[in-house]
Amino acid sequence: MTTPDEAAPLAEHFECRFDFQPGWIDLTLHEVTKAEAKALATQVVHSLNPAALEIENSAVFDDMVERALDLNDDLPTLAAAYYTESGEALANLMVDSYSDEGVERPTREEVEPLLLEWANAEATGEPQVTYLELPTGPAVRVQSVLKVKRMFGLGRKLTEFIRYAVFPPGMKSLVVVTITWEAIARTEEITALADEAVQTLRVTPLAAGSTETLTGGDAE
């Protein structure tokens, strides 16, 4: 799937939550300003164990600010990242929702090839595809490697990703969870972290009178 702005505006409202394990940091921004990102990073960095960090607090802070702004650029429903105790950022997680007024939600089979589409990258190799049932509804899971275009078109870098397309009962929207990482050597570890997080996803439709989509996650 390419970019959220290619879908029609979401017509229904819901609450999206994860019971995140330690290490996942909720980086969702509401105003998407640098001031908001700095305030969030300040709060998180102050909660870290300085004895465990292998890099300066300032480096973690700068990374978190830049990462939060980048992840929220397309206004996802939720944005998060996994940080090790040493301060290294291992993976990004984003949740988006897609719906089109008057058009039925696609099936898992119809969505599967769309999960391999990217605006600035190309999936390479044979993707791993799994159909499964999550606590929040039926889902299709796709994992593959991406060749991502570098700035100014100067070469490509390899990134790995997992995408879950989730079909919550009682909703018309499709909820897509995307996890990306560049540390290919740690794929097994990151895959386990991502799959564990998605198992805790809860999507709850809200009453028709609700005025906004709510997001959240218990992250440390």
N, C-alpha and C. Protein backbone atom coordinates (compact mmCIF):
# COMPACT_ATOMS: atom_id res chain seq x y z
N MET A 1 0.87 -1.17 0.00
CA MET A 1 0.00 0.00 0.00
C MET A 1 0.90 1.23 0.00
N THR A 2 0.52 2.24 -0.70
CA THR A 2 1.42 3.38 -0.89
C THR A 2 1.27 4.39 0.24
N THR A 3 0.47 5.39 0.07
CA THR A 3 0.38 6.41 1.11
C THR A 3 -1.05 6.56 1.58
N PRO A 4 -1.26 6.91 2.88
CA PRO A 4 -2.60 7.04 3.42
C PRO A 4 -3.46 8.04 2.67
N ASP A 5 -2.87 9.09 2.08
CA ASP A 5 -3.69 10.10 1.43
C ASP A 5 -4.30 9.62 0.12
N GLU A 6 -3.99 8.39 -0.30
CA GLU A 6 -4.62 7.84 -1.48
C GLU A 6 -5.96 7.22 -1.16
N ALA A 7 -6.28 7.06 0.12
CA ALA A 7 -7.57 6.51 0.53
C ALA A 7 -8.50 7.64 0.91
N ALA A 8 -9.81 7.36 0.84
CA ALA A 8 -10.77 8.37 1.24
C ALA A 8 -10.68 8.60 2.74
N PRO A 9 -11.08 9.80 3.21
CA PRO A 9 -11.01 10.07 4.65
C PRO A 9 -11.81 9.04 5.44
N LEU A 10 -11.30 8.69 6.60
CA LEU A 10 -11.96 7.70 7.43
C LEU A 10 -13.31 8.23 7.90
N ALA A 11 -14.37 7.43 7.69
CA ALA A 11 -15.72 7.88 8.03
C ALA A 11 -16.17 7.35 9.38
N GLU A 12 -15.41 6.47 9.99
CA GLU A 12 -15.79 5.92 11.28
C GLU A 12 -14.66 6.12 12.27
N HIS A 13 -15.00 6.07 13.54
CA HIS A 13 -14.03 6.37 14.59
C HIS A 13 -13.81 5.14 15.46
N PHE A 14 -12.58 4.98 15.94
CA PHE A 14 -12.26 3.82 16.74
C PHE A 14 -11.09 4.12 17.67
N GLU A 15 -10.95 3.26 18.67
CA GLU A 15 -9.82 3.34 19.59
C GLU A 15 -8.83 2.24 19.22
N CYS A 16 -7.56 2.61 19.11
CA CYS A 16 -6.51 1.66 18.75
C CYS A 16 -5.49 1.63 19.88
N ARG A 17 -5.27 0.42 20.46
CA ARG A 17 -4.35 0.32 21.59
C ARG A 17 -3.49 -0.93 21.48
N PHE A 18 -2.27 -0.85 22.02
CA PHE A 18 -1.39 -2.00 22.19
C PHE A 18 -1.05 -2.13 23.67
N ASP A 19 -0.86 -3.33 24.13
CA ASP A 19 -0.26 -3.56 25.44
C ASP A 19 1.23 -3.81 25.19
N PHE A 20 1.95 -2.73 24.95
CA PHE A 20 3.35 -2.82 24.56
C PHE A 20 4.22 -3.38 25.68
N GLN A 21 5.18 -4.22 25.30
CA GLN A 21 6.20 -4.68 26.23
C GLN A 21 7.24 -3.57 26.40
N PRO A 22 8.04 -3.62 27.48
CA PRO A 22 9.10 -2.62 27.67
C PRO A 22 10.01 -2.54 26.45
N GLY A 23 10.35 -1.33 26.09
CA GLY A 23 11.18 -1.10 24.91
C GLY A 23 10.43 -0.36 23.82
N TRP A 24 9.13 -0.66 23.69
CA TRP A 24 8.31 0.07 22.72
C TRP A 24 7.94 1.44 23.28
N ILE A 25 8.13 2.47 22.48
CA ILE A 25 7.82 3.84 22.88
C ILE A 25 6.76 4.40 21.95
N ASP A 26 5.65 4.83 22.53
CA ASP A 26 4.58 5.45 21.72
C ASP A 26 5.05 6.84 21.31
N LEU A 27 5.23 7.04 20.00
CA LEU A 27 5.71 8.32 19.47
C LEU A 27 4.63 9.08 18.70
N THR A 28 3.38 8.74 18.94
CA THR A 28 2.29 9.41 18.23
C THR A 28 2.24 10.89 18.60
N LEU A 29 2.22 11.74 17.58
CA LEU A 29 2.10 13.18 17.78
C LEU A 29 0.73 13.64 17.28
N HIS A 30 0.16 14.60 17.96
CA HIS A 30 -1.17 15.10 17.58
C HIS A 30 -1.08 16.39 16.78
N GLU A 31 -0.15 17.25 17.15
CA GLU A 31 0.04 18.51 16.42
C GLU A 31 1.15 18.37 15.37
N VAL A 32 1.99 17.35 15.52
CA VAL A 32 3.13 17.09 14.64
C VAL A 32 4.02 18.33 14.51
N THR A 33 4.45 18.83 15.66
CA THR A 33 5.37 19.96 15.70
C THR A 33 6.66 19.51 16.39
N LYS A 34 7.74 20.24 16.12
CA LYS A 34 9.01 19.91 16.75
C LYS A 34 8.93 20.09 18.26
N ALA A 35 8.17 21.10 18.70
CA ALA A 35 8.02 21.35 20.13
C ALA A 35 7.34 20.16 20.81
N GLU A 36 6.32 19.61 20.15
CA GLU A 36 5.62 18.45 20.72
C GLU A 36 6.55 17.24 20.76
N ALA A 37 7.33 17.05 19.68
CA ALA A 37 8.26 15.93 19.62
C ALA A 37 9.33 16.05 20.70
N LYS A 38 9.82 17.27 20.93
CA LYS A 38 10.84 17.49 21.96
C LYS A 38 10.28 17.22 23.35
N ALA A 39 9.03 17.63 23.59
CA ALA A 39 8.41 17.40 24.90
C ALA A 39 8.25 15.91 25.16
N LEU A 40 7.84 15.17 24.14
CA LEU A 40 7.69 13.73 24.28
C LEU A 40 9.04 13.07 24.54
N ALA A 41 10.06 13.45 23.76
CA ALA A 41 11.39 12.86 23.91
C ALA A 41 11.99 13.18 25.27
N THR A 42 11.78 14.37 25.75
CA THR A 42 12.28 14.76 27.08
C THR A 42 11.71 13.87 28.16
N GLN A 43 10.40 13.63 28.09
CA GLN A 43 9.73 12.79 29.08
C GLN A 43 10.27 11.36 29.05
N VAL A 44 10.46 10.83 27.84
CA VAL A 44 10.94 9.44 27.71
C VAL A 44 12.38 9.31 28.16
N VAL A 45 13.25 10.21 27.71
CA VAL A 45 14.67 10.11 28.03
C VAL A 45 14.90 10.22 29.54
N HIS A 46 14.12 11.03 30.20
CA HIS A 46 14.26 11.16 31.65
C HIS A 46 13.90 9.87 32.38
N SER A 47 13.12 9.00 31.73
CA SER A 47 12.70 7.75 32.36
C SER A 47 13.67 6.60 32.09
N LEU A 48 14.67 6.82 31.22
CA LEU A 48 15.61 5.77 30.88
C LEU A 48 16.65 5.56 31.98
N ASN A 49 17.23 4.38 31.98
CA ASN A 49 18.28 4.06 32.95
C ASN A 49 19.62 4.52 32.38
N PRO A 50 20.20 5.59 32.90
CA PRO A 50 21.44 6.12 32.32
C PRO A 50 22.60 5.13 32.40
N ALA A 51 22.58 4.22 33.37
CA ALA A 51 23.67 3.26 33.52
C ALA A 51 23.68 2.24 32.39
N ALA A 52 22.51 2.02 31.76
CA ALA A 52 22.41 1.02 30.69
C ALA A 52 22.72 1.61 29.31
N LEU A 53 22.63 2.92 29.19
CA LEU A 53 22.82 3.55 27.89
C LEU A 53 24.28 3.43 27.41
N GLU A 54 24.43 3.11 26.16
CA GLU A 54 25.77 3.04 25.56
C GLU A 54 26.06 4.26 24.71
N ILE A 55 25.08 5.16 24.60
CA ILE A 55 25.26 6.42 23.88
C ILE A 55 24.76 7.55 24.78
N GLU A 56 25.11 8.76 24.42
CA GLU A 56 24.73 9.91 25.23
C GLU A 56 23.20 10.11 25.23
N ASN A 57 22.69 10.61 26.36
CA ASN A 57 21.27 10.95 26.43
C ASN A 57 20.86 11.86 25.28
N SER A 58 21.74 12.80 24.94
CA SER A 58 21.42 13.76 23.89
C SER A 58 21.24 13.08 22.54
N ALA A 59 22.00 11.99 22.30
CA ALA A 59 21.87 11.26 21.04
C ALA A 59 20.53 10.53 20.97
N VAL A 60 20.12 9.95 22.10
CA VAL A 60 18.81 9.28 22.15
C VAL A 60 17.70 10.31 21.95
N PHE A 61 17.85 11.44 22.61
CA PHE A 61 16.86 12.52 22.49
C PHE A 61 16.74 12.98 21.04
N ASP A 62 17.85 13.26 20.40
CA ASP A 62 17.82 13.75 19.01
C ASP A 62 17.19 12.71 18.08
N ASP A 63 17.55 11.44 18.29
CA ASP A 63 16.99 10.38 17.46
C ASP A 63 15.47 10.29 17.64
N MET A 64 15.02 10.40 18.88
CA MET A 64 13.61 10.27 19.17
C MET A 64 12.80 11.42 18.57
N VAL A 65 13.34 12.62 18.64
CA VAL A 65 12.66 13.78 18.06
C VAL A 65 12.54 13.62 16.55
N GLU A 66 13.64 13.30 15.90
CA GLU A 66 13.64 13.14 14.44
C GLU A 66 12.74 11.98 14.01
N ARG A 67 12.80 10.88 14.76
CA ARG A 67 12.00 9.70 14.42
C ARG A 67 10.52 9.98 14.59
N ALA A 68 10.14 10.66 15.66
CA ALA A 68 8.73 10.98 15.90
C ALA A 68 8.18 11.86 14.78
N LEU A 69 8.94 12.87 14.39
CA LEU A 69 8.48 13.75 13.32
C LEU A 69 8.36 13.00 11.99
N ASP A 70 9.32 12.13 11.73
CA ASP A 70 9.31 11.36 10.48
C ASP A 70 8.14 10.38 10.44
N LEU A 71 7.91 9.66 11.53
CA LEU A 71 6.85 8.66 11.56
C LEU A 71 5.47 9.29 11.49
N ASN A 72 5.33 10.51 11.99
CA ASN A 72 4.02 11.16 12.00
C ASN A 72 3.78 12.05 10.79
N ASP A 73 4.71 12.04 9.84
CA ASP A 73 4.61 12.92 8.68
C ASP A 73 3.32 12.71 7.89
N ASP A 74 2.88 11.45 7.76
CA ASP A 74 1.65 11.16 7.01
C ASP A 74 0.45 10.94 7.92
N LEU A 75 0.54 11.44 9.14
CA LEU A 75 -0.56 11.40 10.11
C LEU A 75 -1.12 10.00 10.32
N PRO A 76 -0.31 9.06 10.77
CA PRO A 76 -0.81 7.72 11.04
C PRO A 76 -1.75 7.73 12.26
N THR A 77 -2.49 6.65 12.41
CA THR A 77 -3.34 6.51 13.59
C THR A 77 -2.48 6.39 14.84
N LEU A 78 -1.37 5.67 14.73
CA LEU A 78 -0.45 5.48 15.86
C LEU A 78 0.96 5.28 15.32
N ALA A 79 1.95 5.79 16.04
CA ALA A 79 3.36 5.61 15.66
C ALA A 79 4.14 5.22 16.91
N ALA A 80 5.09 4.30 16.74
CA ALA A 80 5.89 3.85 17.87
C ALA A 80 7.25 3.38 17.36
N ALA A 81 8.19 3.18 18.28
CA ALA A 81 9.50 2.65 17.93
C ALA A 81 9.99 1.80 19.08
N TYR A 82 10.83 0.81 18.75
CA TYR A 82 11.41 -0.04 19.79
C TYR A 82 12.85 0.38 20.04
N TYR A 83 13.16 0.68 21.31
CA TYR A 83 14.51 1.07 21.72
C TYR A 83 15.05 0.04 22.71
N THR A 84 16.30 -0.36 22.50
CA THR A 84 16.96 -1.27 23.45
C THR A 84 17.35 -0.48 24.70
N GLU A 85 17.73 -1.20 25.74
CA GLU A 85 18.16 -0.55 26.98
C GLU A 85 19.40 0.30 26.74
N SER A 86 20.20 -0.06 25.73
CA SER A 86 21.42 0.69 25.44
C SER A 86 21.14 1.98 24.67
N GLY A 87 19.88 2.18 24.26
CA GLY A 87 19.50 3.41 23.57
C GLY A 87 19.42 3.28 22.06
N GLU A 88 19.61 2.06 21.52
CA GLU A 88 19.56 1.86 20.07
C GLU A 88 18.11 1.67 19.62
N ALA A 89 17.73 2.38 18.57
CA ALA A 89 16.40 2.21 17.98
C ALA A 89 16.46 1.07 16.98
N LEU A 90 15.65 0.02 17.21
CA LEU A 90 15.70 -1.16 16.37
C LEU A 90 14.63 -1.18 15.28
N ALA A 91 13.43 -0.71 15.60
CA ALA A 91 12.33 -0.87 14.66
C ALA A 91 11.31 0.25 14.81
N ASN A 92 10.62 0.54 13.71
CA ASN A 92 9.51 1.49 13.70
C ASN A 92 8.20 0.74 13.53
N LEU A 93 7.14 1.26 14.12
CA LEU A 93 5.81 0.67 13.98
C LEU A 93 4.81 1.79 13.70
N MET A 94 3.97 1.58 12.70
CA MET A 94 2.92 2.55 12.39
C MET A 94 1.60 1.83 12.15
N VAL A 95 0.52 2.47 12.54
CA VAL A 95 -0.82 1.96 12.28
C VAL A 95 -1.56 2.98 11.42
N ASP A 96 -2.12 2.50 10.31
CA ASP A 96 -2.94 3.35 9.44
C ASP A 96 -4.28 2.66 9.23
N SER A 97 -5.28 3.43 8.82
CA SER A 97 -6.58 2.86 8.51
C SER A 97 -7.02 3.35 7.14
N TYR A 98 -7.74 2.48 6.44
CA TYR A 98 -8.16 2.78 5.07
C TYR A 98 -9.63 2.42 4.90
N SER A 99 -10.39 3.32 4.29
CA SER A 99 -11.78 3.02 3.95
C SER A 99 -12.18 3.93 2.80
N ASP A 100 -13.19 3.51 2.09
CA ASP A 100 -13.67 4.28 0.95
C ASP A 100 -15.19 4.26 0.99
N GLU A 101 -15.81 5.42 1.08
CA GLU A 101 -17.26 5.53 1.21
C GLU A 101 -17.95 4.83 0.04
N GLY A 102 -18.87 3.94 0.38
CA GLY A 102 -19.63 3.26 -0.66
C GLY A 102 -18.94 2.06 -1.27
N VAL A 103 -17.70 1.75 -0.83
CA VAL A 103 -16.95 0.61 -1.37
C VAL A 103 -16.74 -0.41 -0.27
N GLU A 104 -17.06 -1.67 -0.54
CA GLU A 104 -16.89 -2.70 0.47
C GLU A 104 -15.41 -2.91 0.80
N ARG A 105 -15.16 -3.25 2.03
CA ARG A 105 -13.80 -3.54 2.45
C ARG A 105 -13.27 -4.74 1.65
N PRO A 106 -12.04 -4.65 1.14
CA PRO A 106 -11.50 -5.76 0.34
C PRO A 106 -11.29 -7.01 1.19
N THR A 107 -11.14 -8.13 0.53
CA THR A 107 -10.87 -9.39 1.21
C THR A 107 -9.37 -9.50 1.50
N ARG A 108 -8.99 -10.49 2.28
CA ARG A 108 -7.58 -10.71 2.56
C ARG A 108 -6.82 -11.03 1.27
N GLU A 109 -7.45 -11.80 0.38
CA GLU A 109 -6.81 -12.14 -0.88
C GLU A 109 -6.58 -10.91 -1.74
N GLU A 110 -7.55 -9.98 -1.73
CA GLU A 110 -7.42 -8.77 -2.52
C GLU A 110 -6.38 -7.81 -1.95
N VAL A 111 -6.25 -7.81 -0.62
CA VAL A 111 -5.32 -6.90 0.03
C VAL A 111 -3.88 -7.37 -0.08
N GLU A 112 -3.68 -8.68 -0.11
CA GLU A 112 -2.33 -9.25 -0.07
C GLU A 112 -1.34 -8.57 -1.02
N PRO A 113 -1.62 -8.44 -2.34
CA PRO A 113 -0.63 -7.80 -3.22
C PRO A 113 -0.44 -6.32 -2.92
N LEU A 114 -1.46 -5.67 -2.37
CA LEU A 114 -1.34 -4.24 -2.06
C LEU A 114 -0.36 -4.00 -0.92
N LEU A 115 -0.20 -4.98 -0.04
CA LEU A 115 0.70 -4.82 1.09
C LEU A 115 2.16 -4.77 0.66
N LEU A 116 2.43 -5.18 -0.56
CA LEU A 116 3.80 -5.17 -1.08
C LEU A 116 4.11 -3.89 -1.85
N GLU A 117 3.13 -2.98 -1.95
CA GLU A 117 3.34 -1.75 -2.69
C GLU A 117 3.88 -0.65 -1.78
N TRP A 118 4.90 0.05 -2.27
CA TRP A 118 5.51 1.16 -1.53
C TRP A 118 5.75 2.32 -2.50
N ALA A 119 5.63 3.54 -1.98
CA ALA A 119 5.80 4.72 -2.82
C ALA A 119 7.26 4.95 -3.19
N ASN A 120 8.19 4.64 -2.29
CA ASN A 120 9.60 4.97 -2.51
C ASN A 120 10.51 3.75 -2.42
N ALA A 121 9.93 2.55 -2.61
CA ALA A 121 10.72 1.33 -2.45
C ALA A 121 10.11 0.21 -3.29
N GLU A 122 10.87 -0.86 -3.38
CA GLU A 122 10.43 -2.02 -4.16
C GLU A 122 10.69 -3.29 -3.37
N ALA A 123 9.63 -4.09 -3.18
CA ALA A 123 9.79 -5.36 -2.47
C ALA A 123 10.59 -6.31 -3.35
N THR A 124 11.52 -7.03 -2.71
CA THR A 124 12.38 -7.93 -3.46
C THR A 124 12.35 -9.32 -2.84
N GLY A 125 12.59 -10.36 -3.63
CA GLY A 125 12.57 -11.72 -3.11
C GLY A 125 11.15 -12.25 -2.96
N GLU A 126 11.05 -13.45 -2.46
CA GLU A 126 9.75 -14.10 -2.27
C GLU A 126 9.18 -13.72 -0.91
N PRO A 127 8.05 -13.00 -0.87
CA PRO A 127 7.49 -12.58 0.42
C PRO A 127 6.93 -13.77 1.20
N GLN A 128 6.98 -13.66 2.52
CA GLN A 128 6.34 -14.64 3.39
C GLN A 128 4.91 -14.15 3.67
N VAL A 129 3.93 -14.95 3.33
CA VAL A 129 2.52 -14.56 3.49
C VAL A 129 1.81 -15.55 4.39
N THR A 130 1.10 -15.02 5.38
CA THR A 130 0.37 -15.87 6.32
C THR A 130 -1.02 -15.30 6.55
N TYR A 131 -2.03 -16.16 6.52
CA TYR A 131 -3.39 -15.79 6.90
C TYR A 131 -3.63 -16.31 8.31
N LEU A 132 -4.13 -15.44 9.17
CA LEU A 132 -4.26 -15.82 10.58
C LEU A 132 -5.40 -15.07 11.24
N GLU A 133 -5.69 -15.49 12.46
CA GLU A 133 -6.71 -14.84 13.28
C GLU A 133 -6.02 -14.16 14.45
N LEU A 134 -6.19 -12.85 14.56
CA LEU A 134 -5.67 -12.10 15.69
C LEU A 134 -6.79 -11.84 16.68
N PRO A 135 -6.49 -11.49 17.93
CA PRO A 135 -7.54 -11.19 18.90
C PRO A 135 -8.48 -10.08 18.41
N THR A 136 -7.98 -9.19 17.55
CA THR A 136 -8.82 -8.09 17.07
C THR A 136 -9.50 -8.38 15.74
N GLY A 137 -9.24 -9.57 15.15
CA GLY A 137 -9.93 -9.92 13.91
C GLY A 137 -9.06 -10.69 12.93
N PRO A 138 -9.64 -11.15 11.82
CA PRO A 138 -8.86 -11.84 10.79
C PRO A 138 -7.78 -10.92 10.23
N ALA A 139 -6.67 -11.50 9.76
CA ALA A 139 -5.57 -10.68 9.26
C ALA A 139 -4.78 -11.45 8.22
N VAL A 140 -4.06 -10.69 7.39
CA VAL A 140 -3.07 -11.26 6.50
C VAL A 140 -1.73 -10.61 6.84
N ARG A 141 -0.70 -11.43 6.97
CA ARG A 141 0.62 -10.95 7.35
C ARG A 141 1.58 -11.16 6.19
N VAL A 142 2.30 -10.10 5.83
CA VAL A 142 3.29 -10.17 4.75
C VAL A 142 4.63 -9.69 5.28
N GLN A 143 5.70 -10.45 5.02
CA GLN A 143 7.05 -10.05 5.42
C GLN A 143 7.96 -10.16 4.21
N SER A 144 8.77 -9.12 3.99
CA SER A 144 9.66 -9.13 2.83
C SER A 144 10.78 -8.11 3.04
N VAL A 145 11.71 -8.10 2.09
CA VAL A 145 12.81 -7.14 2.09
C VAL A 145 12.51 -6.06 1.06
N LEU A 146 12.88 -4.83 1.40
CA LEU A 146 12.67 -3.70 0.50
C LEU A 146 14.00 -3.14 0.02
N LYS A 147 14.01 -2.70 -1.22
CA LYS A 147 15.09 -1.86 -1.72
C LYS A 147 14.54 -0.43 -1.72
N VAL A 148 15.04 0.37 -0.79
CA VAL A 148 14.52 1.72 -0.60
C VAL A 148 15.38 2.72 -1.35
N LYS A 149 14.74 3.61 -2.09
CA LYS A 149 15.47 4.63 -2.84
C LYS A 149 16.10 5.63 -1.87
N ARG A 150 17.36 5.91 -2.07
CA ARG A 150 18.03 6.93 -1.26
C ARG A 150 17.71 8.32 -1.79
N MET A 151 17.99 9.31 -0.95
CA MET A 151 17.74 10.69 -1.35
C MET A 151 18.47 11.02 -2.66
N PHE A 152 17.83 11.76 -3.52
CA PHE A 152 18.36 12.18 -4.83
C PHE A 152 18.56 10.98 -5.77
N GLY A 153 17.98 9.82 -5.40
CA GLY A 153 18.08 8.66 -6.27
C GLY A 153 19.45 8.03 -6.31
N LEU A 154 20.29 8.33 -5.31
CA LEU A 154 21.67 7.81 -5.30
C LEU A 154 21.70 6.44 -4.63
N GLY A 155 21.43 5.41 -5.40
CA GLY A 155 21.49 4.04 -4.90
C GLY A 155 20.28 3.67 -4.06
N ARG A 156 20.34 2.45 -3.49
CA ARG A 156 19.25 1.94 -2.67
C ARG A 156 19.81 1.29 -1.40
N LYS A 157 19.01 1.25 -0.36
CA LYS A 157 19.40 0.58 0.87
C LYS A 157 18.36 -0.51 1.16
N LEU A 158 18.80 -1.55 1.86
CA LEU A 158 17.90 -2.65 2.19
C LEU A 158 17.22 -2.41 3.53
N THR A 159 15.93 -2.61 3.54
CA THR A 159 15.12 -2.52 4.75
C THR A 159 14.17 -3.71 4.75
N GLU A 160 13.90 -4.24 5.92
CA GLU A 160 12.94 -5.35 6.01
C GLU A 160 11.65 -4.83 6.63
N PHE A 161 10.53 -5.48 6.30
CA PHE A 161 9.26 -5.02 6.84
C PHE A 161 8.30 -6.19 7.06
N ILE A 162 7.38 -5.96 7.97
CA ILE A 162 6.21 -6.82 8.16
C ILE A 162 5.00 -5.92 8.07
N ARG A 163 3.99 -6.37 7.34
CA ARG A 163 2.72 -5.65 7.30
C ARG A 163 1.59 -6.60 7.67
N TYR A 164 0.77 -6.15 8.57
CA TYR A 164 -0.45 -6.86 8.94
C TYR A 164 -1.64 -6.03 8.43
N ALA A 165 -2.50 -6.63 7.63
CA ALA A 165 -3.79 -6.01 7.29
C ALA A 165 -4.82 -6.70 8.16
N VAL A 166 -5.47 -5.94 9.04
CA VAL A 166 -6.39 -6.49 10.02
C VAL A 166 -7.82 -6.05 9.67
N PHE A 167 -8.76 -7.00 9.84
CA PHE A 167 -10.16 -6.76 9.48
C PHE A 167 -11.02 -6.84 10.75
N PRO A 168 -11.06 -5.75 11.53
CA PRO A 168 -11.81 -5.79 12.79
C PRO A 168 -13.31 -6.00 12.54
N PRO A 169 -13.95 -6.92 13.23
CA PRO A 169 -15.39 -7.11 13.09
C PRO A 169 -16.16 -5.85 13.47
N GLY A 170 -17.25 -5.61 12.78
CA GLY A 170 -18.08 -4.45 13.10
C GLY A 170 -17.57 -3.15 12.54
N MET A 171 -16.52 -3.18 11.71
CA MET A 171 -15.98 -1.97 11.10
C MET A 171 -15.90 -2.13 9.59
N LYS A 172 -15.93 -1.01 8.89
CA LYS A 172 -15.75 -1.01 7.45
C LYS A 172 -14.30 -0.75 7.06
N SER A 173 -13.55 -0.20 7.98
CA SER A 173 -12.17 0.17 7.70
C SER A 173 -11.22 -1.02 7.78
N LEU A 174 -10.17 -0.92 7.03
CA LEU A 174 -9.05 -1.86 7.07
C LEU A 174 -7.95 -1.21 7.91
N VAL A 175 -7.44 -1.94 8.89
CA VAL A 175 -6.39 -1.41 9.76
C VAL A 175 -5.08 -2.09 9.37
N VAL A 176 -4.06 -1.30 9.06
CA VAL A 176 -2.78 -1.84 8.60
C VAL A 176 -1.68 -1.45 9.58
N VAL A 177 -0.99 -2.47 10.09
CA VAL A 177 0.14 -2.27 11.00
C VAL A 177 1.42 -2.55 10.21
N THR A 178 2.33 -1.59 10.17
CA THR A 178 3.58 -1.73 9.42
C THR A 178 4.77 -1.60 10.36
N ILE A 179 5.64 -2.60 10.35
CA ILE A 179 6.88 -2.57 11.14
C ILE A 179 8.05 -2.62 10.18
N THR A 180 8.99 -1.70 10.32
CA THR A 180 10.16 -1.66 9.44
C THR A 180 11.44 -1.60 10.26
N TRP A 181 12.52 -2.15 9.69
CA TRP A 181 13.83 -2.08 10.36
C TRP A 181 14.94 -2.26 9.34
N GLU A 182 16.12 -1.74 9.70
CA GLU A 182 17.30 -1.83 8.84
C GLU A 182 18.34 -2.82 9.35
N ALA A 183 18.23 -3.22 10.60
CA ALA A 183 19.21 -4.14 11.18
C ALA A 183 18.86 -5.56 10.75
N ILE A 184 19.16 -5.90 9.51
CA ILE A 184 18.79 -7.20 8.94
C ILE A 184 19.37 -8.35 9.76
N ALA A 185 20.55 -8.16 10.33
CA ALA A 185 21.18 -9.22 11.12
C ALA A 185 20.37 -9.58 12.37
N ARG A 186 19.45 -8.68 12.77
CA ARG A 186 18.65 -8.93 13.96
C ARG A 186 17.19 -9.20 13.61
N THR A 187 16.97 -9.66 12.38
CA THR A 187 15.61 -9.88 11.90
C THR A 187 14.81 -10.84 12.79
N GLU A 188 15.42 -11.93 13.21
CA GLU A 188 14.69 -12.91 14.02
C GLU A 188 14.19 -12.28 15.32
N GLU A 189 15.05 -11.51 15.97
CA GLU A 189 14.68 -10.83 17.22
C GLU A 189 13.57 -9.82 16.99
N ILE A 190 13.72 -9.00 15.95
CA ILE A 190 12.74 -7.94 15.68
C ILE A 190 11.41 -8.53 15.24
N THR A 191 11.46 -9.61 14.46
CA THR A 191 10.23 -10.27 14.04
C THR A 191 9.44 -10.76 15.25
N ALA A 192 10.13 -11.33 16.21
CA ALA A 192 9.46 -11.81 17.42
C ALA A 192 8.83 -10.65 18.19
N LEU A 193 9.56 -9.53 18.29
CA LEU A 193 9.03 -8.35 18.99
C LEU A 193 7.80 -7.81 18.28
N ALA A 194 7.85 -7.75 16.95
CA ALA A 194 6.74 -7.21 16.17
C ALA A 194 5.50 -8.09 16.29
N ASP A 195 5.69 -9.40 16.12
CA ASP A 195 4.56 -10.31 16.18
C ASP A 195 3.92 -10.33 17.57
N GLU A 196 4.76 -10.23 18.59
CA GLU A 196 4.25 -10.17 19.96
C GLU A 196 3.42 -8.92 20.17
N ALA A 197 3.90 -7.78 19.66
CA ALA A 197 3.17 -6.53 19.82
C ALA A 197 1.81 -6.58 19.12
N VAL A 198 1.78 -7.12 17.90
CA VAL A 198 0.53 -7.14 17.13
C VAL A 198 -0.51 -8.05 17.80
N GLN A 199 -0.05 -9.08 18.50
CA GLN A 199 -1.00 -9.94 19.21
C GLN A 199 -1.76 -9.18 20.29
N THR A 200 -1.21 -8.04 20.75
CA THR A 200 -1.87 -7.26 21.81
C THR A 200 -2.73 -6.14 21.25
N LEU A 201 -2.76 -5.98 19.92
CA LEU A 201 -3.53 -4.90 19.32
C LEU A 201 -5.01 -5.05 19.62
N ARG A 202 -5.63 -3.96 20.01
CA ARG A 202 -7.07 -3.92 20.22
C ARG A 202 -7.65 -2.74 19.45
N VAL A 203 -8.63 -3.00 18.61
CA VAL A 203 -9.31 -1.97 17.83
C VAL A 203 -10.77 -2.00 18.23
N THR A 204 -11.26 -0.90 18.80
CA THR A 204 -12.62 -0.84 19.31
C THR A 204 -13.40 0.27 18.62
N PRO A 205 -14.46 -0.07 17.87
CA PRO A 205 -15.30 0.97 17.25
C PRO A 205 -15.91 1.85 18.33
N LEU A 206 -16.00 3.14 18.03
CA LEU A 206 -16.59 4.08 18.97
C LEU A 206 -17.99 4.47 18.51
N ALA A 207 -18.75 5.06 19.42
CA ALA A 207 -20.12 5.46 19.11
C ALA A 207 -20.14 6.47 17.98
N ALA A 208 -21.24 6.52 17.26
CA ALA A 208 -21.35 7.40 16.10
C ALA A 208 -21.16 8.86 16.45
N GLY A 209 -21.44 9.23 17.69
CA GLY A 209 -21.30 10.63 18.08
C GLY A 209 -19.88 11.05 18.38
N SER A 210 -18.95 10.10 18.40
CA SER A 210 -17.55 10.44 18.70
C SER A 210 -16.99 11.31 17.61
N THR A 211 -16.10 12.24 17.97
CA THR A 211 -15.60 13.22 17.00
C THR A 211 -14.17 12.99 16.58
N GLU A 212 -13.47 12.00 17.17
CA GLU A 212 -12.08 11.80 16.78
C GLU A 212 -11.66 10.36 16.99
N THR A 213 -10.68 9.96 16.22
CA THR A 213 -10.09 8.64 16.38
C THR A 213 -9.11 8.69 17.54
N LEU A 214 -9.24 7.74 18.46
CA LEU A 214 -8.37 7.71 19.62
C LEU A 214 -7.26 6.70 19.41
N THR A 215 -6.08 7.03 19.90
CA THR A 215 -4.96 6.11 19.80
C THR A 215 -4.31 6.00 21.15
N GLY A 216 -3.53 4.94 21.29
CA GLY A 216 -2.81 4.83 22.57
C GLY A 216 -2.09 3.53 22.67
N GLY A 217 -1.21 3.44 23.65
CA GLY A 217 -0.49 2.20 23.88
C GLY A 217 0.23 2.30 25.19
N ASP A 218 0.31 1.18 25.87
CA ASP A 218 1.06 1.16 27.13
C ASP A 218 2.49 0.82 26.79
N ALA A 219 3.34 1.84 26.74
CA ALA A 219 4.74 1.63 26.37
C ALA A 219 5.63 2.18 27.45
N GLU A 220 6.79 1.59 27.56
CA GLU A 220 7.76 2.06 28.54
C GLU A 220 9.07 2.35 27.85
